[in-house]
Amino acid sequence: MMNSFQLSFTVLTIFIVCVYIKNSWKGQLPNGQCSLSLPVGANGKCVSKDCDSSCQHKYKGRGSCLGHDFNECICFVCRRPRS
């Protein structure tokens, strides 16, 4: 009896986790990514205001300078669903 309950509980838990993961992937880019790398200025340095502006214009996301020495512009486009 106990093994039957444990098996049912395990299957139910796995099902709930799969449904949660499936729902969290909605709204992502087709290739499953939530962030994109954008080109930086000619000097190789990322300017925060330009990065954010470019990201908002191209993907309607938020841009941020990251990487060693802030030389990479990352655009975050996935959003958490509103409750």
PDB file of N, CA and C in Angstrom:
ATOM      1  N   MET A   1       0.823  -1.191   0.000  1.00  0.00           N
ATOM      2  CA  MET A   1       0.000   0.000   0.000  1.00  0.00           C
ATOM      3  C   MET A   1       0.871   1.260   0.000  1.00  0.00           C
ATOM      4  N   MET A   2       1.905   1.258   0.831  1.00  0.00           N
ATOM      5  CA  MET A   2       2.766   2.428   0.934  1.00  0.00           C
ATOM      6  C   MET A   2       3.540   2.655  -0.363  1.00  0.00           C
ATOM      7  N   ASN A   3       4.006   1.573  -1.009  1.00  0.00           N
ATOM      8  CA  ASN A   3       4.742   1.723  -2.260  1.00  0.00           C
ATOM      9  C   ASN A   3       3.842   2.291  -3.348  1.00  0.00           C
ATOM     10  N   SER A   4       2.598   1.923  -3.371  1.00  0.00           N
ATOM     11  CA  SER A   4       1.645   2.451  -4.337  1.00  0.00           C
ATOM     12  C   SER A   4       1.455   3.962  -4.128  1.00  0.00           C
ATOM     13  N   PHE A   5       1.351   4.376  -2.892  1.00  0.00           N
ATOM     14  CA  PHE A   5       1.206   5.791  -2.574  1.00  0.00           C
ATOM     15  C   PHE A   5       2.451   6.565  -2.979  1.00  0.00           C
ATOM     16  N   GLN A   6       3.619   6.028  -2.698  1.00  0.00           N
ATOM     17  CA  GLN A   6       4.865   6.712  -3.048  1.00  0.00           C
ATOM     18  C   GLN A   6       5.009   6.844  -4.559  1.00  0.00           C
ATOM     19  N   LEU A   7       4.650   5.801  -5.283  1.00  0.00           N
ATOM     20  CA  LEU A   7       4.724   5.850  -6.733  1.00  0.00           C
ATOM     21  C   LEU A   7       3.755   6.898  -7.289  1.00  0.00           C
ATOM     22  N   SER A   8       2.545   6.920  -6.788  1.00  0.00           N
ATOM     23  CA  SER A   8       1.556   7.903  -7.239  1.00  0.00           C
ATOM     24  C   SER A   8       2.019   9.323  -6.924  1.00  0.00           C
ATOM     25  N   PHE A   9       2.557   9.524  -5.740  1.00  0.00           N
ATOM     26  CA  PHE A   9       3.047  10.839  -5.341  1.00  0.00           C
ATOM     27  C   PHE A   9       4.209  11.279  -6.233  1.00  0.00           C
ATOM     28  N   THR A  10       5.107  10.369  -6.551  1.00  0.00           N
ATOM     29  CA  THR A  10       6.253  10.689  -7.405  1.00  0.00           C
ATOM     30  C   THR A  10       5.794  11.063  -8.813  1.00  0.00           C
ATOM     31  N   VAL A  11       4.877  10.296  -9.373  1.00  0.00           N
ATOM     32  CA  VAL A  11       4.368  10.582 -10.713  1.00  0.00           C
ATOM     33  C   VAL A  11       3.650  11.930 -10.735  1.00  0.00           C
ATOM     34  N   LEU A  12       2.852  12.194  -9.730  1.00  0.00           N
ATOM     35  CA  LEU A  12       2.143  13.475  -9.649  1.00  0.00           C
ATOM     36  C   LEU A  12       3.129  14.639  -9.535  1.00  0.00           C
ATOM     37  N   THR A  13       4.152  14.486  -8.740  1.00  0.00           N
ATOM     38  CA  THR A  13       5.157  15.530  -8.572  1.00  0.00           C
ATOM     39  C   THR A  13       5.874  15.808  -9.889  1.00  0.00           C
ATOM     40  N   ILE A  14       6.263  14.765 -10.598  1.00  0.00           N
ATOM     41  CA  ILE A  14       6.942  14.938 -11.881  1.00  0.00           C
ATOM     42  C   ILE A  14       6.023  15.637 -12.882  1.00  0.00           C
ATOM     43  N   PHE A  15       4.756  15.274 -12.898  1.00  0.00           N
ATOM     44  CA  PHE A  15       3.796  15.908 -13.792  1.00  0.00           C
ATOM     45  C   PHE A  15       3.672  17.397 -13.486  1.00  0.00           C
ATOM     46  N   ILE A  16       3.560  17.760 -12.229  1.00  0.00           N
ATOM     47  CA  ILE A  16       3.426  19.163 -11.839  1.00  0.00           C
ATOM     48  C   ILE A  16       4.676  19.947 -12.227  1.00  0.00           C
ATOM     49  N   VAL A  17       5.847  19.374 -12.027  1.00  0.00           N
ATOM     50  CA  VAL A  17       7.086  20.052 -12.391  1.00  0.00           C
ATOM     51  C   VAL A  17       7.148  20.266 -13.906  1.00  0.00           C
ATOM     52  N   CYS A  18       6.751  19.269 -14.674  1.00  0.00           N
ATOM     53  CA  CYS A  18       6.760  19.405 -16.139  1.00  0.00           C
ATOM     54  C   CYS A  18       5.800  20.495 -16.607  1.00  0.00           C
ATOM     55  N   VAL A  19       4.627  20.565 -16.021  1.00  0.00           N
ATOM     56  CA  VAL A  19       3.661  21.601 -16.383  1.00  0.00           C
ATOM     57  C   VAL A  19       4.221  22.983 -16.026  1.00  0.00           C
ATOM     58  N   TYR A  20       4.840  23.099 -14.872  1.00  0.00           N
ATOM     59  CA  TYR A  20       5.414  24.376 -14.456  1.00  0.00           C
ATOM     60  C   TYR A  20       6.521  24.826 -15.420  1.00  0.00           C
ATOM     61  N   ILE A  21       7.387  23.902 -15.800  1.00  0.00           N
ATOM     62  CA  ILE A  21       8.485  24.236 -16.715  1.00  0.00           C
ATOM     63  C   ILE A  21       7.926  24.636 -18.074  1.00  0.00           C
ATOM     64  N   LYS A  22       6.931  23.911 -18.564  1.00  0.00           N
ATOM     65  CA  LYS A  22       6.323  24.236 -19.856  1.00  0.00           C
ATOM     66  C   LYS A  22       5.740  25.651 -19.836  1.00  0.00           C
ATOM     67  N   ASN A  23       5.052  26.002 -18.762  1.00  0.00           N
ATOM     68  CA  ASN A  23       4.461  27.333 -18.655  1.00  0.00           C
ATOM     69  C   ASN A  23       5.523  28.419 -18.519  1.00  0.00           C
ATOM     70  N   SER A  24       6.625  28.115 -17.887  1.00  0.00           N
ATOM     71  CA  SER A  24       7.671  29.125 -17.721  1.00  0.00           C
ATOM     72  C   SER A  24       8.404  29.392 -19.029  1.00  0.00           C
ATOM     73  N   TRP A  25       8.338  28.465 -19.985  1.00  0.00           N
ATOM     74  CA  TRP A  25       9.001  28.659 -21.271  1.00  0.00           C
ATOM     75  C   TRP A  25       8.172  29.478 -22.237  1.00  0.00           C
ATOM     76  N   LYS A  26       6.919  29.756 -21.930  1.00  0.00           N
ATOM     77  CA  LYS A  26       6.104  30.578 -22.809  1.00  0.00           C
ATOM     78  C   LYS A  26       6.711  31.977 -22.886  1.00  0.00           C
ATOM     79  N   GLY A  27       6.693  32.569 -24.050  1.00  0.00           N
ATOM     80  CA  GLY A  27       7.195  33.925 -24.215  1.00  0.00           C
ATOM     81  C   GLY A  27       8.682  34.008 -24.496  1.00  0.00           C
ATOM     82  N   GLN A  28       9.371  32.875 -24.507  1.00  0.00           N
ATOM     83  CA  GLN A  28      10.785  32.913 -24.831  1.00  0.00           C
ATOM     84  C   GLN A  28      10.954  33.005 -26.337  1.00  0.00           C
ATOM     85  N   LEU A  29      12.134  33.300 -26.744  1.00  0.00           N
ATOM     86  CA  LEU A  29      12.439  33.333 -28.164  1.00  0.00           C
ATOM     87  C   LEU A  29      12.311  31.918 -28.728  1.00  0.00           C
ATOM     88  N   PRO A  30      12.111  31.773 -30.029  1.00  0.00           N
ATOM     89  CA  PRO A  30      11.925  30.446 -30.612  1.00  0.00           C
ATOM     90  C   PRO A  30      13.050  29.462 -30.314  1.00  0.00           C
ATOM     91  N   ASN A  31      14.261  29.933 -30.162  1.00  0.00           N
ATOM     92  CA  ASN A  31      15.361  29.022 -29.881  1.00  0.00           C
ATOM     93  C   ASN A  31      15.552  28.771 -28.384  1.00  0.00           C
ATOM     94  N   GLY A  32      14.647  29.272 -27.563  1.00  0.00           N
ATOM     95  CA  GLY A  32      14.676  28.990 -26.133  1.00  0.00           C
ATOM     96  C   GLY A  32      15.519  29.955 -25.308  1.00  0.00           C
ATOM     97  N   GLN A  33      16.089  30.950 -25.936  1.00  0.00           N
ATOM     98  CA  GLN A  33      16.940  31.875 -25.200  1.00  0.00           C
ATOM     99  C   GLN A  33      16.131  33.029 -24.633  1.00  0.00           C
ATOM    100  N   CYS A  34      16.599  33.561 -23.534  1.00  0.00           N
ATOM    101  CA  CYS A  34      15.988  34.744 -22.945  1.00  0.00           C
ATOM    102  C   CYS A  34      16.911  35.949 -23.050  1.00  0.00           C
ATOM    103  N   SER A  35      18.113  35.761 -23.503  1.00  0.00           N
ATOM    104  CA  SER A  35      19.036  36.884 -23.626  1.00  0.00           C
ATOM    105  C   SER A  35      19.767  36.805 -24.956  1.00  0.00           C
ATOM    106  N   LEU A  36      20.048  37.951 -25.489  1.00  0.00           N
ATOM    107  CA  LEU A  36      20.764  38.069 -26.757  1.00  0.00           C
ATOM    108  C   LEU A  36      21.937  39.009 -26.580  1.00  0.00           C
ATOM    109  N   SER A  37      22.993  38.729 -27.282  1.00  0.00           N
ATOM    110  CA  SER A  37      24.151  39.606 -27.257  1.00  0.00           C
ATOM    111  C   SER A  37      24.001  40.628 -28.374  1.00  0.00           C
ATOM    112  N   LEU A  38      24.174  41.893 -28.055  1.00  0.00           N
ATOM    113  CA  LEU A  38      24.086  42.967 -29.040  1.00  0.00           C
ATOM    114  C   LEU A  38      25.467  43.569 -29.260  1.00  0.00           C
ATOM    115  N   PRO A  39      25.711  44.126 -30.441  1.00  0.00           N
ATOM    116  CA  PRO A  39      27.030  44.727 -30.700  1.00  0.00           C
ATOM    117  C   PRO A  39      27.255  45.970 -29.831  1.00  0.00           C
ATOM    118  N   VAL A  40      28.513  46.190 -29.510  1.00  0.00           N
ATOM    119  CA  VAL A  40      28.890  47.367 -28.715  1.00  0.00           C
ATOM    120  C   VAL A  40      29.547  48.388 -29.628  1.00  0.00           C
ATOM    121  N   GLY A  41      29.928  49.513 -29.068  1.00  0.00           N
ATOM    122  CA  GLY A  41      30.536  50.597 -29.842  1.00  0.00           C
ATOM    123  C   GLY A  41      31.854  50.205 -30.489  1.00  0.00           C
ATOM    124  N   ALA A  42      32.360  51.095 -31.325  1.00  0.00           N
ATOM    125  CA  ALA A  42      33.590  50.842 -32.074  1.00  0.00           C
ATOM    126  C   ALA A  42      34.807  50.668 -31.163  1.00  0.00           C
ATOM    127  N   ASN A  43      34.778  51.285 -29.986  1.00  0.00           N
ATOM    128  CA  ASN A  43      35.923  51.175 -29.083  1.00  0.00           C
ATOM    129  C   ASN A  43      35.911  49.878 -28.276  1.00  0.00           C
ATOM    130  N   GLY A  44      34.884  49.054 -28.437  1.00  0.00           N
ATOM    131  CA  GLY A  44      34.814  47.775 -27.743  1.00  0.00           C
ATOM    132  C   GLY A  44      34.241  47.854 -26.344  1.00  0.00           C
ATOM    133  N   LYS A  45      33.797  49.038 -25.942  1.00  0.00           N
ATOM    134  CA  LYS A  45      33.210  49.218 -24.616  1.00  0.00           C
ATOM    135  C   LYS A  45      31.701  49.363 -24.735  1.00  0.00           C
ATOM    136  N   CYS A  46      31.001  48.818 -23.768  1.00  0.00           N
ATOM    137  CA  CYS A  46      29.546  48.904 -23.739  1.00  0.00           C
ATOM    138  C   CYS A  46      29.137  50.174 -22.987  1.00  0.00           C
ATOM    139  N   VAL A  47      28.235  50.940 -23.582  1.00  0.00           N
ATOM    140  CA  VAL A  47      27.681  52.131 -22.938  1.00  0.00           C
ATOM    141  C   VAL A  47      26.281  51.753 -22.482  1.00  0.00           C
ATOM    142  N   SER A  48      26.041  51.817 -21.192  1.00  0.00           N
ATOM    143  CA  SER A  48      24.799  51.321 -20.606  1.00  0.00           C
ATOM    144  C   SER A  48      23.551  51.917 -21.251  1.00  0.00           C
ATOM    145  N   LYS A  49      23.533  53.231 -21.443  1.00  0.00           N
ATOM    146  CA  LYS A  49      22.355  53.894 -22.006  1.00  0.00           C
ATOM    147  C   LYS A  49      22.109  53.443 -23.446  1.00  0.00           C
ATOM    148  N   ASP A  50      23.178  53.318 -24.237  1.00  0.00           N
ATOM    149  CA  ASP A  50      23.041  52.874 -25.621  1.00  0.00           C
ATOM    150  C   ASP A  50      22.598  51.412 -25.696  1.00  0.00           C
ATOM    151  N   CYS A  51      23.128  50.593 -24.813  1.00  0.00           N
ATOM    152  CA  CYS A  51      22.771  49.176 -24.776  1.00  0.00           C
ATOM    153  C   CYS A  51      21.286  49.008 -24.465  1.00  0.00           C
ATOM    154  N   ASP A  52      20.814  49.685 -23.443  1.00  0.00           N
ATOM    155  CA  ASP A  52      19.407  49.577 -23.053  1.00  0.00           C
ATOM    156  C   ASP A  52      18.495  50.121 -24.151  1.00  0.00           C
ATOM    157  N   SER A  53      18.870  51.237 -24.750  1.00  0.00           N
ATOM    158  CA  SER A  53      18.067  51.834 -25.817  1.00  0.00           C
ATOM    159  C   SER A  53      17.976  50.915 -27.034  1.00  0.00           C
ATOM    160  N   SER A  54      19.086  50.342 -27.419  1.00  0.00           N
ATOM    161  CA  SER A  54      19.117  49.436 -28.564  1.00  0.00           C
ATOM    162  C   SER A  54      18.268  48.196 -28.309  1.00  0.00           C
ATOM    163  N   CYS A  55      18.345  47.678 -27.108  1.00  0.00           N
ATOM    164  CA  CYS A  55      17.566  46.489 -26.740  1.00  0.00           C
ATOM    165  C   CYS A  55      16.071  46.792 -26.748  1.00  0.00           C
ATOM    166  N   GLN A  56      15.688  47.934 -26.213  1.00  0.00           N
ATOM    167  CA  GLN A  56      14.268  48.310 -26.197  1.00  0.00           C
ATOM    168  C   GLN A  56      13.746  48.510 -27.612  1.00  0.00           C
ATOM    169  N   HIS A  57      14.563  49.111 -28.464  1.00  0.00           N
ATOM    170  CA  HIS A  57      14.142  49.385 -29.841  1.00  0.00           C
ATOM    171  C   HIS A  57      13.997  48.095 -30.657  1.00  0.00           C
ATOM    172  N   LYS A  58      14.980  47.190 -30.551  1.00  0.00           N
ATOM    173  CA  LYS A  58      14.985  45.980 -31.378  1.00  0.00           C
ATOM    174  C   LYS A  58      14.073  44.881 -30.860  1.00  0.00           C
ATOM    175  N   TYR A  59      14.091  44.646 -29.525  1.00  0.00           N
ATOM    176  CA  TYR A  59      13.407  43.474 -28.976  1.00  0.00           C
ATOM    177  C   TYR A  59      12.393  43.792 -27.880  1.00  0.00           C
ATOM    178  N   LYS A  60      12.224  45.062 -27.541  1.00  0.00           N
ATOM    179  CA  LYS A  60      11.339  45.467 -26.442  1.00  0.00           C
ATOM    180  C   LYS A  60      11.742  44.790 -25.134  1.00  0.00           C
ATOM    181  N   GLY A  61      13.043  44.745 -24.903  1.00  0.00           N
ATOM    182  CA  GLY A  61      13.589  44.149 -23.684  1.00  0.00           C
ATOM    183  C   GLY A  61      14.415  45.163 -22.913  1.00  0.00           C
ATOM    184  N   ARG A  62      15.177  44.681 -21.960  1.00  0.00           N
ATOM    185  CA  ARG A  62      16.048  45.530 -21.154  1.00  0.00           C
ATOM    186  C   ARG A  62      17.497  45.135 -21.422  1.00  0.00           C
ATOM    187  N   GLY A  63      18.337  46.125 -21.683  1.00  0.00           N
ATOM    188  CA  GLY A  63      19.741  45.875 -21.967  1.00  0.00           C
ATOM    189  C   GLY A  63      20.621  46.202 -20.780  1.00  0.00           C
ATOM    190  N   SER A  64      21.729  45.459 -20.684  1.00  0.00           N
ATOM    191  CA  SER A  64      22.661  45.667 -19.581  1.00  0.00           C
ATOM    192  C   SER A  64      24.070  45.327 -20.048  1.00  0.00           C
ATOM    193  N   CYS A  65      25.037  46.101 -19.578  1.00  0.00           N
ATOM    194  CA  CYS A  65      26.439  45.834 -19.893  1.00  0.00           C
ATOM    195  C   CYS A  65      26.989  44.806 -18.927  1.00  0.00           C
ATOM    196  N   LEU A  66      27.519  43.735 -19.468  1.00  0.00           N
ATOM    197  CA  LEU A  66      28.084  42.662 -18.662  1.00  0.00           C
ATOM    198  C   LEU A  66      29.425  42.239 -19.236  1.00  0.00           C
ATOM    199  N   GLY A  67      30.003  41.246 -18.618  1.00  0.00           N
ATOM    200  CA  GLY A  67      31.271  40.707 -19.090  1.00  0.00           C
ATOM    201  C   GLY A  67      32.443  41.338 -18.376  1.00  0.00           C
ATOM    202  N   HIS A  68      33.607  40.773 -18.632  1.00  0.00           N
ATOM    203  CA  HIS A  68      34.838  41.300 -18.056  1.00  0.00           C
ATOM    204  C   HIS A  68      35.096  42.678 -18.653  1.00  0.00           C
ATOM    205  N   ASP A  69      35.260  43.674 -17.851  1.00  0.00           N
ATOM    206  CA  ASP A  69      35.467  45.067 -18.265  1.00  0.00           C
ATOM    207  C   ASP A  69      34.234  45.660 -18.957  1.00  0.00           C
ATOM    208  N   PHE A  70      33.056  45.096 -18.717  1.00  0.00           N
ATOM    209  CA  PHE A  70      31.798  45.596 -19.289  1.00  0.00           C
ATOM    210  C   PHE A  70      31.906  45.803 -20.801  1.00  0.00           C
ATOM    211  N   ASN A  71      32.369  44.773 -21.485  1.00  0.00           N
ATOM    212  CA  ASN A  71      32.557  44.880 -22.934  1.00  0.00           C
ATOM    213  C   ASN A  71      31.507  44.103 -23.726  1.00  0.00           C
ATOM    214  N   GLU A  72      30.385  43.776 -23.101  1.00  0.00           N
ATOM    215  CA  GLU A  72      29.352  43.011 -23.777  1.00  0.00           C
ATOM    216  C   GLU A  72      27.973  43.563 -23.418  1.00  0.00           C
ATOM    217  N   CYS A  73      27.144  43.776 -24.427  1.00  0.00           N
ATOM    218  CA  CYS A  73      25.777  44.256 -24.218  1.00  0.00           C
ATOM    219  C   CYS A  73      24.844  43.056 -24.311  1.00  0.00           C
ATOM    220  N   ILE A  74      24.115  42.777 -23.234  1.00  0.00           N
ATOM    221  CA  ILE A  74      23.188  41.659 -23.189  1.00  0.00           C
ATOM    222  C   ILE A  74      21.766  42.209 -23.114  1.00  0.00           C
ATOM    223  N   CYS A  75      20.902  41.697 -23.985  1.00  0.00           N
ATOM    224  CA  CYS A  75      19.505  42.117 -24.032  1.00  0.00           C
ATOM    225  C   CYS A  75      18.643  41.001 -23.443  1.00  0.00           C
ATOM    226  N   PHE A  76      17.927  41.305 -22.377  1.00  0.00           N
ATOM    227  CA  PHE A  76      17.048  40.339 -21.718  1.00  0.00           C
ATOM    228  C   PHE A  76      15.629  40.558 -22.226  1.00  0.00           C
ATOM    229  N   VAL A  77      15.057  39.533 -22.875  1.00  0.00           N
ATOM    230  CA  VAL A  77      13.748  39.695 -23.511  1.00  0.00           C
ATOM    231  C   VAL A  77      12.654  38.847 -22.901  1.00  0.00           C
ATOM    232  N   CYS A  78      12.967  37.849 -22.109  1.00  0.00           N
ATOM    233  CA  CYS A  78      11.926  37.024 -21.494  1.00  0.00           C
ATOM    234  C   CYS A  78      11.403  37.719 -20.243  1.00  0.00           C
ATOM    235  N   ARG A  79      10.115  37.617 -20.049  1.00  0.00           N
ATOM    236  CA  ARG A  79       9.495  38.264 -18.897  1.00  0.00           C
ATOM    237  C   ARG A  79       8.739  37.231 -18.086  1.00  0.00           C
ATOM    238  N   ARG A  80       8.667  37.449 -16.797  1.00  0.00           N
ATOM    239  CA  ARG A  80       7.875  36.585 -15.934  1.00  0.00           C
ATOM    240  C   ARG A  80       6.411  36.922 -16.139  1.00  0.00           C
ATOM    241  N   PRO A  81       5.558  35.921 -16.191  1.00  0.00           N
ATOM    242  CA  PRO A  81       4.133  36.207 -16.359  1.00  0.00           C
ATOM    243  C   PRO A  81       3.573  36.933 -15.148  1.00  0.00           C
ATOM    244  N   ARG A  82       2.626  37.820 -15.400  1.00  0.00           N
ATOM    245  CA  ARG A  82       1.989  38.541 -14.297  1.00  0.00           C
ATOM    246  C   ARG A  82       0.947  37.658 -13.652  1.00  0.00           C
ATOM    247  N   SER A  83       0.871  37.751 -12.352  1.00  0.00           N
ATOM    248  CA  SER A  83      -0.090  36.927 -11.617  1.00  0.00           C
ATOM    249  C   SER A  83      -1.469  37.528 -11.643  1.00  0.00           C
TER     250      SER A  83
END
